[in-house]
């Protein structure tokens, strides 16, 4: 089960060792399917999207203000991981101020009609304050926040994104669970260009980037269903 890029990359590198890949965050595609569907869909959505649900999931991705609100952390950690990282391992206040709010905002709808504080409160309610404290404590006790931030730096400067543009997984069975507050969403049509053996593709009414915590039931249900299919 994969909620980030790690599982997808490992499946790409060692497909013979993977029985199946269950994704809760879709892989970013830069291929022709994404460009074509996005351009046509922004003007004539009924031509390229099969349901209203698919439109609702796909097009917040192209709301630039929403993108700005959810990707600022990515840029900061990509260009100055050590500047932020030293604060993470030196001060528990700095740690929870950065990572704690990231958990909350990634679990919220990032509604532009609400203030940032209201969005944070919604995210805390969805993710759970106990879960925020527990996960932050793990980072603090292990002193691993700085190391985890450097992964973004390596991605940004070592051009791993170039490799991801060519990433294809033709044979390994794949299941996709889509959640409305996830950071990235790709349609089934686009996903088919990356995953050649897409066995399962489900939408859910609630949940965000940390869906295994804020909608555990849906993740488990999809995973069990996928196991039976493979």
Protein backbone atom coordinates (compact mmCIF):
# COMPACT_ATOMS: atom_id res chain seq x y z
CA UNK A 1 0.00 0.00 0.00
CA UNK A 2 1.42 3.34 -1.07
CA UNK A 3 0.47 6.87 -0.04
CA UNK A 4 3.42 8.61 -1.72
CA UNK A 5 5.98 7.98 -4.45
CA UNK A 6 8.07 5.37 -2.65
CA UNK A 7 5.85 2.39 -3.42
CA UNK A 8 5.37 3.42 -7.04
CA UNK A 9 9.11 3.86 -7.62
CA UNK A 10 9.94 0.54 -5.92
CA UNK A 11 7.32 -1.22 -8.04
CA UNK A 12 8.83 0.37 -11.16
CA UNK A 13 12.34 -0.76 -10.17
CA UNK A 14 11.51 -4.26 -8.91
CA UNK A 15 8.19 -5.37 -10.48
CA UNK A 16 9.08 -9.04 -10.14
CA UNK A 17 8.96 -8.68 -6.35
CA UNK A 18 5.58 -6.94 -6.14
CA UNK A 19 2.29 -8.86 -6.16
CA UNK A 20 0.20 -5.69 -6.36
CA UNK A 21 0.32 -1.94 -5.74
CA UNK A 22 -2.47 -0.11 -3.90
CA UNK A 23 -2.14 3.66 -4.31
CA UNK A 24 -3.98 6.24 -2.23
CA UNK A 25 -2.18 9.11 -3.98
CA UNK A 26 -2.00 8.96 -7.74
CA UNK A 27 1.26 9.35 -9.59
CA UNK A 28 1.83 12.69 -11.33
CA UNK A 29 1.77 12.26 -15.07
CA UNK A 30 3.34 14.68 -17.55
CA UNK A 31 2.30 12.72 -20.63
CA UNK A 32 0.03 13.56 -23.52
CA UNK A 33 -3.02 12.08 -21.82
CA UNK A 34 -2.79 14.59 -18.97
CA UNK A 35 -2.23 17.60 -21.22
CA UNK A 36 -4.95 16.66 -23.70
CA UNK A 37 -7.58 15.82 -21.11
CA UNK A 38 -6.80 18.93 -19.04
CA UNK A 39 -7.01 21.31 -22.01
CA UNK A 40 -10.19 19.87 -23.48
CA UNK A 41 -11.75 19.29 -20.07
CA UNK A 42 -11.31 22.89 -18.99
CA UNK A 43 -13.51 24.03 -21.92
CA UNK A 44 -15.68 21.01 -22.76
CA UNK A 45 -15.65 18.77 -19.68
CA UNK A 46 -18.40 16.47 -20.92
CA UNK A 47 -16.19 15.36 -23.82
CA UNK A 48 -13.41 13.89 -21.70
CA UNK A 49 -14.85 13.25 -18.24
CA UNK A 50 -17.30 10.46 -17.64
CA UNK A 51 -18.96 11.73 -14.44
CA UNK A 52 -19.48 14.94 -12.47
CA UNK A 53 -17.52 13.29 -9.69
CA UNK A 54 -14.51 12.95 -11.97
CA UNK A 55 -14.70 16.65 -12.87
CA UNK A 56 -14.94 17.64 -9.21
CA UNK A 57 -11.87 15.57 -8.35
CA UNK A 58 -9.73 16.58 -11.33
CA UNK A 59 -10.19 20.28 -11.71
CA UNK A 60 -9.18 21.59 -8.28
CA UNK A 61 -5.74 20.44 -9.48
CA UNK A 62 -5.79 23.37 -11.92
CA UNK A 63 -6.99 25.96 -9.41
CA UNK A 64 -3.75 27.90 -9.01
CA UNK A 65 -4.75 29.54 -5.73
CA UNK A 66 -5.45 26.10 -4.27
CA UNK A 67 -2.12 24.85 -5.60
CA UNK A 68 -0.38 27.80 -3.94
CA UNK A 69 -1.98 27.03 -0.59
CA UNK A 70 -0.94 23.38 -0.63
CA UNK A 71 2.51 23.33 -2.26
CA UNK A 72 4.39 26.14 -0.49
CA UNK A 73 5.82 23.58 1.94
CA UNK A 74 7.18 21.55 -0.99
CA UNK A 75 9.15 24.50 -2.35
CA UNK A 76 10.50 25.51 1.06
CA UNK A 77 11.70 22.00 1.86
CA UNK A 78 13.16 21.62 -1.64
CA UNK A 79 15.37 24.69 -1.52
CA UNK A 80 16.22 25.13 2.19
CA UNK A 81 15.79 21.81 4.00
CA UNK A 82 18.58 22.40 6.49
CA UNK A 83 17.44 25.91 7.39
CA UNK A 84 14.04 24.56 8.38
CA UNK A 85 15.43 21.19 9.45
CA UNK A 86 17.64 22.54 12.25
CA UNK A 87 14.57 24.24 13.71
CA UNK A 88 12.69 20.94 13.57
CA UNK A 89 15.28 19.01 15.59
CA UNK A 90 16.12 21.86 17.98
CA UNK A 91 12.64 22.91 19.08
CA UNK A 92 9.46 20.88 19.62
CA UNK A 93 7.53 24.11 19.08
CA UNK A 94 9.16 24.55 15.68
CA UNK A 95 8.43 20.92 14.82
CA UNK A 96 4.73 20.97 15.63
CA UNK A 97 4.38 24.41 14.07
CA UNK A 98 5.62 23.05 10.75
CA UNK A 99 4.69 19.36 10.58
CA UNK A 100 1.60 19.61 12.78
CA UNK A 101 0.02 22.17 10.50
CA UNK A 102 1.03 20.15 7.42
CA UNK A 103 -0.92 17.15 8.70
CA UNK A 104 -3.94 19.34 9.30
CA UNK A 105 -3.91 21.25 6.03
CA UNK A 106 -3.38 18.06 3.97
CA UNK A 107 -6.51 16.60 5.56
CA UNK A 108 -8.69 19.66 4.93
CA UNK A 109 -10.53 20.77 1.80
CA UNK A 110 -8.37 23.94 1.62
CA UNK A 111 -11.56 25.88 0.97
CA UNK A 112 -10.75 29.35 -0.41
CA UNK A 113 -13.93 30.77 1.13
CA UNK A 114 -12.58 29.98 4.61
CA UNK A 115 -9.69 31.47 6.52
CA UNK A 116 -6.48 29.49 6.93
CA UNK A 117 -7.33 28.95 10.60
CA UNK A 118 -10.75 27.54 9.76
CA UNK A 119 -9.15 25.19 7.23
CA UNK A 120 -6.62 24.11 9.85
CA UNK A 121 -9.39 23.40 12.35
CA UNK A 122 -11.22 21.31 9.75
CA UNK A 123 -8.01 19.38 9.10
CA UNK A 124 -7.34 18.79 12.78
CA UNK A 125 -10.88 17.46 13.19
CA UNK A 126 -10.39 15.11 10.23
CA UNK A 127 -6.86 13.93 11.08
CA UNK A 128 -7.34 13.91 14.84
CA UNK A 129 -5.35 15.86 17.41
CA UNK A 130 -4.11 12.65 19.06
CA UNK A 131 -2.75 11.45 15.70
CA UNK A 132 -1.00 14.78 15.12
CA UNK A 133 0.65 14.59 18.54
CA UNK A 134 1.65 10.93 18.11
CA UNK A 135 3.22 11.44 14.68
CA UNK A 136 4.99 14.61 15.78
CA UNK A 137 6.38 12.77 18.82
CA UNK A 138 7.86 10.09 16.54
CA UNK A 139 9.66 12.76 14.49
CA UNK A 140 10.88 14.47 17.67
CA UNK A 141 12.15 11.35 19.45
CA UNK A 142 13.87 10.00 16.34
CA UNK A 143 15.21 13.45 15.34
CA UNK A 144 14.32 12.50 11.77
CA UNK A 145 12.53 15.64 10.54
CA UNK A 146 15.59 17.17 8.94
CA UNK A 147 16.50 13.96 7.12
CA UNK A 148 12.95 13.59 5.82
CA UNK A 149 13.03 17.15 4.48
CA UNK A 150 16.23 16.51 2.53
CA UNK A 151 14.37 14.01 0.34
CA UNK A 152 12.57 17.00 -1.17
CA UNK A 153 15.92 18.69 -1.85
CA UNK A 154 17.25 15.59 -3.58
CA UNK A 155 14.09 15.31 -5.67
CA UNK A 156 14.27 18.97 -6.66
CA UNK A 157 17.97 19.26 -7.54
CA UNK A 158 18.86 15.77 -8.76
CA UNK A 159 16.10 15.88 -11.35
CA UNK A 160 14.32 12.74 -10.20
CA UNK A 161 11.24 14.28 -11.81
CA UNK A 162 12.78 13.51 -15.23
CA UNK A 163 12.76 9.82 -14.37
CA UNK A 164 9.18 10.03 -13.16
CA UNK A 165 8.10 11.41 -16.54
CA UNK A 166 9.14 8.11 -18.13
CA UNK A 167 7.74 5.89 -15.38
CA UNK A 168 5.53 3.05 -16.63
CA UNK A 169 4.32 -0.02 -14.75
CA UNK A 170 2.80 -2.26 -17.42
CA UNK A 171 2.17 -5.59 -15.69
CA UNK A 172 1.89 -5.26 -11.91
CA UNK A 173 -1.77 -5.17 -10.76
CA UNK A 174 -2.67 -1.71 -9.43
CA UNK A 175 -5.58 -0.32 -7.40
CA UNK A 176 -6.34 3.38 -6.95
CA UNK A 177 -8.28 4.89 -4.06
CA UNK A 178 -9.19 8.52 -4.67
CA UNK A 179 -9.96 10.95 -1.85
CA UNK A 180 -11.40 14.46 -2.31
CA UNK A 181 -8.81 16.31 -0.20
CA UNK A 182 -5.79 14.55 -1.69
CA UNK A 183 -3.08 16.87 -3.00
CA UNK A 184 -2.87 15.27 -6.45
CA UNK A 185 -5.52 13.58 -8.54
CA UNK A 186 -5.40 11.95 -11.96
CA UNK A 187 -8.35 10.48 -13.83
CA UNK A 188 -8.65 6.82 -14.72
CA UNK A 189 -7.85 7.67 -18.33
CA UNK A 190 -4.58 9.34 -17.34
CA UNK A 191 -3.72 6.60 -14.83
CA UNK A 192 -4.10 4.01 -17.57
CA UNK A 193 -1.13 5.55 -19.35
CA UNK A 194 1.11 4.80 -16.36
CA UNK A 195 -0.40 1.61 -14.95
CA UNK A 196 -1.04 -0.96 -17.66
CA UNK A 197 -2.87 -3.37 -15.36
CA UNK A 198 -5.30 -1.11 -13.47
CA UNK A 199 -7.56 -3.53 -11.61
CA UNK A 200 -9.50 -1.17 -9.37
CA UNK A 201 -10.29 2.55 -9.33
CA UNK A 202 -12.57 3.91 -6.59
CA UNK A 203 -13.74 7.35 -5.42
CA UNK A 204 -14.53 8.22 -1.81
CA UNK A 205 -16.52 11.02 -0.23
CA UNK A 206 -14.04 12.02 2.47
CA UNK A 207 -10.35 11.80 3.21
CA UNK A 208 -7.14 13.56 2.27
CA UNK A 209 -3.45 12.85 1.81
CA UNK A 210 -3.37 10.84 5.04
CA UNK A 211 -6.43 8.80 4.13
CA UNK A 212 -5.14 5.76 6.02
CA UNK A 213 -5.78 7.84 9.15
CA UNK A 214 -8.71 10.13 8.30
CA UNK A 215 -10.68 7.48 6.35
CA UNK A 216 -9.19 4.17 7.50
CA UNK A 217 -12.35 2.20 6.73
CA UNK A 218 -12.32 3.11 3.03
CA UNK A 219 -8.61 2.29 2.64
CA UNK A 220 -9.02 -1.11 4.30
CA UNK A 221 -12.16 -1.92 2.29
CA UNK A 222 -10.41 -1.08 -0.99
CA UNK A 223 -7.30 -3.02 -0.01
CA UNK A 224 -9.26 -6.17 0.88
CA UNK A 225 -11.25 -5.91 -2.34
CA UNK A 226 -8.02 -5.53 -4.34
CA UNK A 227 -6.39 -8.54 -2.67
CA UNK A 228 -9.31 -10.72 -3.73
CA UNK A 229 -8.92 -9.51 -7.32
CA UNK A 230 -5.27 -10.48 -7.55
